[in-house]
Amino acid sequence: MGPIKAFRLALIQLAVGEDKLENVKEALRFIKRAKENGSHVIALPECFNSPYGTKFFPKYAEQIPSGQTSIALSEAAEENQVYLVAGSIPEKDGEKLYNTCTIWNPSGELVTKHQKVHLFDIDIPGGIRFKESETLTAGKKLTIFNTDICKIGIGICYDLRFDEMARLYRKEGCDLLLYPGAFNMTTGPLHWELLQRARAVDNQVFVASVAPAQDKNADYVSWGHSQVVDPWGKVIAKTEFDEAIVYADIDLKVVDDVRQQIPVFGQRRTDLYDTVRRD
């Protein structure tokens, strides 16, 4: 037999409230359900234990891996024997706060963590103003981890907009890019699916993004729409606004086929792209 080339991915679009313990409890319940339905890799949304907002981050922040949320995630990954990409939580590291995704293996070990590299600082007149940098510090490293089947690259929300980041992950051998995120009601309808499909087609990888469920009474209203896009740019699984689990059977043979049939990376003209002609 050759290497395993397929697995089930589960994206948990979780309803997040102001009770941290209840948020974590609900996440654990959904993780168990996703495992019972055959999932091998399970992902949670951005800020799954805390409402999304700069005023909430300091109050909800925890140390990693000693905080109560990390301990619960470790136990859940081990109990369910899954790779757990734990969305993100506000992390307290010394005097700084980060928006941080933790990744746990089936033994319950912390494999790595991704501190959001590109902070969400936008100001759209008549749309939305949000400044993560008012409380958060930007991470300084890209994050890749190995499962027993493939390499996965991690970004958080605004990281999705930066194609250079996705390109570096592809060059490092990633077959799946996973973005916990929480686009809003202004940028979500415009760019959420568009950016995922672009990252998938440009880099010939699967792209998955998992958001919190929509709460119209929250200070920040999530667009939801967790989904998975294949390397052809086709949306193969999705949901809309409500709490749900999105399942996708990831067949890595599709990655191989696309790269063989449309070998864009093998045809890159380094002699052309590394110089700029100015007439």
Protein backbone atom coordinates (compact mmCIF):
# COMPACT_ATOMS: atom_id res chain seq x y z
CA MET A 1 0.00 0.00 0.00
CA GLY A 2 1.12 3.53 -0.75
CA PRO A 3 0.85 6.48 1.61
CA ILE A 4 -2.58 7.65 2.75
CA LYS A 5 -3.70 10.48 0.47
CA ALA A 6 -7.10 11.42 1.90
CA PHE A 7 -8.65 12.53 5.19
CA ARG A 8 -11.78 14.23 6.53
CA LEU A 9 -11.51 17.87 7.61
CA ALA A 10 -14.08 19.42 9.95
CA LEU A 11 -14.59 23.18 10.37
CA ILE A 12 -16.58 24.12 13.47
CA GLN A 13 -18.54 27.33 12.94
CA LEU A 14 -19.16 28.04 16.61
CA ALA A 15 -21.55 30.48 18.27
CA VAL A 16 -19.42 32.57 20.65
CA GLY A 17 -20.80 34.45 23.64
CA GLU A 18 -19.35 36.31 26.63
CA ASP A 19 -19.10 33.23 28.90
CA LYS A 20 -15.60 31.86 28.30
CA LEU A 21 -16.20 28.53 30.05
CA GLU A 22 -19.38 27.96 28.07
CA ASN A 23 -17.61 28.80 24.81
CA VAL A 24 -14.91 26.24 25.53
CA LYS A 25 -17.46 23.66 26.65
CA GLU A 26 -19.37 24.07 23.38
CA ALA A 27 -16.16 23.77 21.37
CA LEU A 28 -15.36 20.48 23.11
CA ARG A 29 -18.86 19.17 22.39
CA PHE A 30 -18.51 19.96 18.69
CA ILE A 31 -15.01 18.45 18.54
CA LYS A 32 -16.41 15.19 19.87
CA ARG A 33 -19.22 15.25 17.28
CA ALA A 34 -16.79 15.95 14.45
CA LYS A 35 -14.64 13.00 15.52
CA GLU A 36 -17.68 10.73 15.68
CA ASN A 37 -18.30 11.68 12.04
CA GLY A 38 -14.86 10.53 10.97
CA SER A 39 -12.80 13.72 11.06
CA HIS A 40 -9.02 13.49 11.23
CA VAL A 41 -8.25 17.23 11.33
CA ILE A 42 -10.63 19.57 13.19
CA ALA A 43 -10.51 23.37 13.17
CA LEU A 44 -12.14 26.00 15.38
CA PRO A 45 -12.84 29.64 14.46
CA GLU A 46 -10.93 32.79 15.28
CA CYS A 47 -11.56 34.00 18.85
CA PHE A 48 -13.63 30.95 19.79
CA ASN A 49 -13.36 31.46 23.57
CA SER A 50 -13.88 35.23 23.52
CA PRO A 51 -16.08 37.77 21.75
CA TYR A 52 -14.10 39.45 18.98
CA GLY A 53 -13.21 43.00 19.98
CA THR A 54 -10.30 44.99 21.35
CA LYS A 55 -12.14 45.66 24.62
CA PHE A 56 -12.46 41.91 25.22
CA PHE A 57 -8.90 40.78 24.44
CA PRO A 58 -7.21 41.84 27.72
CA LYS A 59 -9.99 40.34 29.87
CA TYR A 60 -10.08 36.97 28.09
CA ALA A 61 -6.34 36.56 27.45
CA GLU A 62 -4.57 33.46 28.75
CA GLN A 63 -1.07 32.11 28.78
CA ILE A 64 -0.24 29.25 26.42
CA PRO A 65 -0.02 26.35 27.18
CA SER A 66 -0.74 26.76 30.90
CA GLY A 67 -4.14 28.49 30.56
CA GLN A 68 -7.44 26.73 31.12
CA THR A 69 -8.36 26.82 27.42
CA SER A 70 -5.07 25.21 26.37
CA ILE A 71 -5.47 22.46 28.97
CA ALA A 72 -8.97 21.68 27.69
CA LEU A 73 -7.79 21.64 24.07
CA SER A 74 -4.92 19.27 24.86
CA GLU A 75 -7.29 16.86 26.56
CA ALA A 76 -9.78 17.07 23.68
CA ALA A 77 -7.15 16.34 21.02
CA GLU A 78 -5.88 13.32 22.95
CA GLU A 79 -9.30 12.00 23.89
CA ASN A 80 -10.56 12.20 20.31
CA GLN A 81 -7.25 11.25 18.66
CA VAL A 82 -7.31 14.14 16.20
CA TYR A 83 -5.17 17.00 14.96
CA LEU A 84 -6.82 20.08 16.43
CA VAL A 85 -6.27 23.52 14.87
CA ALA A 86 -7.70 25.57 17.69
CA GLY A 87 -8.87 28.69 15.88
CA SER A 88 -7.46 31.47 18.00
CA ILE A 89 -7.64 32.91 21.49
CA PRO A 90 -6.25 36.13 22.99
CA GLU A 91 -2.82 35.11 24.31
CA LYS A 92 -0.96 36.86 27.13
CA ASP A 93 2.80 36.53 26.67
CA GLY A 94 4.67 38.66 29.15
CA GLU A 95 3.34 42.20 28.81
CA LYS A 96 2.05 41.62 25.27
CA LEU A 97 -1.19 40.27 23.86
CA TYR A 98 -1.42 38.22 20.66
CA ASN A 99 -4.18 36.69 18.55
CA THR A 100 -2.93 33.11 18.64
CA CYS A 101 -3.83 29.77 17.05
CA THR A 102 -2.63 26.64 18.83
CA ILE A 103 -2.19 23.29 17.07
CA TRP A 104 -2.44 20.00 18.98
CA ASN A 105 -1.62 16.47 17.84
CA PRO A 106 -3.54 13.25 18.66
CA SER A 107 -1.33 12.74 21.70
CA GLY A 108 -2.49 16.04 23.14
CA GLU A 109 0.86 17.73 22.57
CA LEU A 110 1.18 21.36 21.51
CA VAL A 111 2.80 21.05 18.08
CA THR A 112 3.18 24.76 17.44
CA LYS A 113 1.29 28.05 17.61
CA HIS A 114 0.66 30.85 15.13
CA GLN A 115 0.53 34.43 16.34
CA LYS A 116 -1.43 36.49 13.81
CA VAL A 117 1.12 38.20 11.58
CA HIS A 118 -1.01 40.86 9.88
CA LEU A 119 -3.14 42.78 12.36
CA PHE A 120 -6.62 43.84 11.29
CA ASP A 121 -6.36 47.63 11.11
CA ILE A 122 -8.93 49.02 8.68
CA ASP A 123 -11.07 52.12 8.35
CA ILE A 124 -13.81 52.01 5.70
CA PRO A 125 -16.01 55.15 5.78
CA GLY A 126 -19.61 54.11 6.08
CA GLY A 127 -18.48 50.52 6.62
CA ILE A 128 -16.29 49.51 9.53
CA ARG A 129 -13.38 50.78 11.60
CA PHE A 130 -11.34 48.28 13.60
CA LYS A 131 -7.80 48.49 15.00
CA GLU A 132 -6.40 45.28 16.45
CA SER A 133 -3.11 47.08 17.04
CA GLU A 134 -4.77 49.09 19.81
CA THR A 135 -4.31 46.05 22.06
CA LEU A 136 -2.52 43.30 20.10
CA THR A 137 1.06 42.74 18.98
CA ALA A 138 1.80 41.21 15.56
CA GLY A 139 3.44 37.81 15.32
CA LYS A 140 6.77 37.48 13.54
CA LYS A 141 6.75 33.93 12.16
CA LEU A 142 4.92 31.87 9.57
CA THR A 143 3.61 28.53 10.82
CA ILE A 144 3.63 25.10 9.18
CA PHE A 145 2.92 21.79 10.84
CA ASN A 146 3.08 18.19 9.68
CA THR A 147 0.24 15.74 10.09
CA ASP A 148 0.75 12.07 9.26
CA ILE A 149 -0.72 12.84 5.81
CA CYS A 150 0.33 16.32 4.69
CA LYS A 151 1.80 19.70 5.62
CA ILE A 152 -0.60 22.46 6.62
CA GLY A 153 0.10 26.20 6.63
CA ILE A 154 -1.70 28.43 9.14
CA GLY A 155 -2.89 32.03 8.91
CA ILE A 156 -5.46 33.99 10.90
CA CYS A 157 -8.14 36.11 9.20
CA TYR A 158 -6.35 39.20 7.79
CA ASP A 159 -3.36 36.98 6.94
CA LEU A 160 -5.56 35.61 4.14
CA ARG A 161 -5.16 38.86 2.19
CA PHE A 162 -1.40 38.46 1.77
CA ASP A 163 -0.62 36.27 -1.21
CA GLU A 164 3.13 36.22 -0.44
CA MET A 165 2.42 34.31 2.75
CA ALA A 166 0.42 31.64 0.92
CA ARG A 167 3.11 31.40 -1.77
CA LEU A 168 5.79 30.74 0.85
CA TYR A 169 3.65 27.98 2.34
CA ARG A 170 3.30 26.35 -1.08
CA LYS A 171 7.07 26.55 -1.62
CA GLU A 172 7.56 24.78 1.70
CA GLY A 173 5.41 21.88 0.53
CA CYS A 174 1.99 22.65 2.04
CA ASP A 175 -1.06 20.98 0.47
CA LEU A 176 -3.64 22.72 2.69
CA LEU A 177 -3.81 26.28 3.99
CA LEU A 178 -6.08 26.79 6.98
CA TYR A 179 -7.32 30.22 8.06
CA PRO A 180 -9.45 30.69 11.18
CA GLY A 181 -11.05 34.06 10.53
CA ALA A 182 -13.91 36.42 11.23
CA PHE A 183 -14.63 38.65 8.27
CA ASN A 184 -17.37 41.20 8.89
CA MET A 185 -20.57 42.22 7.11
CA THR A 186 -18.72 44.76 4.96
CA THR A 187 -15.70 42.77 3.76
CA GLY A 188 -17.24 39.31 4.05
CA PRO A 189 -19.67 39.48 1.13
CA LEU A 190 -17.02 41.13 -1.04
CA HIS A 191 -13.82 39.27 -0.32
CA TRP A 192 -14.17 36.17 1.91
CA GLU A 193 -14.78 33.60 -0.84
CA LEU A 194 -12.85 35.56 -3.49
CA LEU A 195 -9.62 35.56 -1.48
CA GLN A 196 -9.87 31.87 -0.61
CA ARG A 197 -10.41 30.87 -4.21
CA ALA A 198 -7.53 33.10 -5.30
CA ARG A 199 -5.12 31.59 -2.75
CA ALA A 200 -6.20 28.10 -3.82
CA VAL A 201 -5.81 28.65 -7.57
CA ASP A 202 -2.58 30.65 -7.36
CA ASN A 203 -0.87 28.05 -5.20
CA GLN A 204 -2.66 24.86 -6.24
CA VAL A 205 -3.60 23.92 -2.69
CA PHE A 206 -6.74 23.29 -0.67
CA VAL A 207 -7.81 26.36 1.33
CA ALA A 208 -10.12 26.16 4.34
CA SER A 209 -11.44 29.06 6.41
CA VAL A 210 -13.48 28.72 9.59
CA ALA A 211 -15.44 31.58 11.14
CA PRO A 212 -17.62 32.13 14.20
CA ALA A 213 -21.36 31.85 13.65
CA GLN A 214 -23.18 35.13 13.13
CA ASP A 215 -24.52 36.97 16.17
CA LYS A 216 -26.41 40.07 15.05
CA ASN A 217 -26.39 41.43 18.61
CA ALA A 218 -22.60 41.32 18.95
CA ASP A 219 -20.40 44.41 18.77
CA TYR A 220 -18.62 42.78 15.80
CA VAL A 221 -20.90 40.78 13.49
CA SER A 222 -19.22 37.83 11.76
CA TRP A 223 -19.97 37.00 8.12
CA GLY A 224 -19.73 33.28 8.95
CA HIS A 225 -19.65 31.21 5.72
CA SER A 226 -16.97 28.71 6.77
CA GLN A 227 -15.90 26.81 3.67
CA VAL A 228 -13.34 24.66 1.85
CA VAL A 229 -11.95 25.37 -1.64
CA ASP A 230 -10.08 22.80 -3.74
CA PRO A 231 -6.94 23.48 -5.85
CA TRP A 232 -9.13 24.10 -8.94
CA GLY A 233 -10.77 27.00 -7.10
CA LYS A 234 -14.04 25.14 -6.60
CA VAL A 235 -15.94 25.53 -3.30
CA ILE A 236 -16.47 21.92 -2.20
CA ALA A 237 -18.11 22.49 1.20
CA LYS A 238 -19.67 25.52 2.87
CA THR A 239 -22.26 26.84 5.28
CA GLU A 240 -23.87 30.24 5.83
CA PHE A 241 -24.51 32.13 9.07
CA ASP A 242 -25.63 29.63 11.71
CA GLU A 243 -23.68 27.36 14.00
CA ALA A 244 -22.63 24.26 12.06
CA ILE A 245 -19.88 21.78 11.25
CA VAL A 246 -18.58 21.86 7.68
CA TYR A 247 -17.09 18.55 6.55
CA ALA A 248 -14.81 18.08 3.55
CA ASP A 249 -13.08 14.93 2.39
CA ILE A 250 -9.65 16.13 1.32
CA ASP A 251 -8.20 14.01 -1.51
CA LEU A 252 -4.56 14.97 -2.00
CA LYS A 253 -4.54 13.25 -5.38
CA VAL A 254 -6.42 16.35 -6.59
CA VAL A 255 -3.39 18.44 -5.59
CA ASP A 256 -1.08 16.14 -7.54
CA ASP A 257 -3.34 16.18 -10.60
CA VAL A 258 -3.66 19.98 -10.73
CA ARG A 259 0.07 20.52 -10.35
CA GLN A 260 0.84 17.97 -13.04
CA GLN A 261 -1.76 19.25 -15.50
CA ILE A 262 -1.10 22.97 -14.97
CA PRO A 263 2.57 23.19 -13.88
CA VAL A 264 2.73 26.92 -13.16
CA PHE A 265 5.41 26.60 -10.50
CA GLY A 266 7.68 24.64 -12.82
CA GLN A 267 7.34 27.30 -15.50
CA ARG A 268 8.17 30.35 -13.40
CA ARG A 269 10.49 32.63 -15.38
CA THR A 270 13.03 33.59 -12.73
CA ASP A 271 15.12 35.36 -15.34
CA LEU A 272 12.15 37.63 -16.01
CA TYR A 273 10.59 38.02 -12.56
CA ASP A 274 13.83 38.77 -10.72
CA THR A 275 14.48 41.88 -12.81
CA VAL A 276 12.33 44.87 -13.61
CA ARG A 277 12.81 46.56 -16.95
CA ARG A 278 12.50 50.32 -16.92
CA ASP A 279 12.49 51.92 -20.38
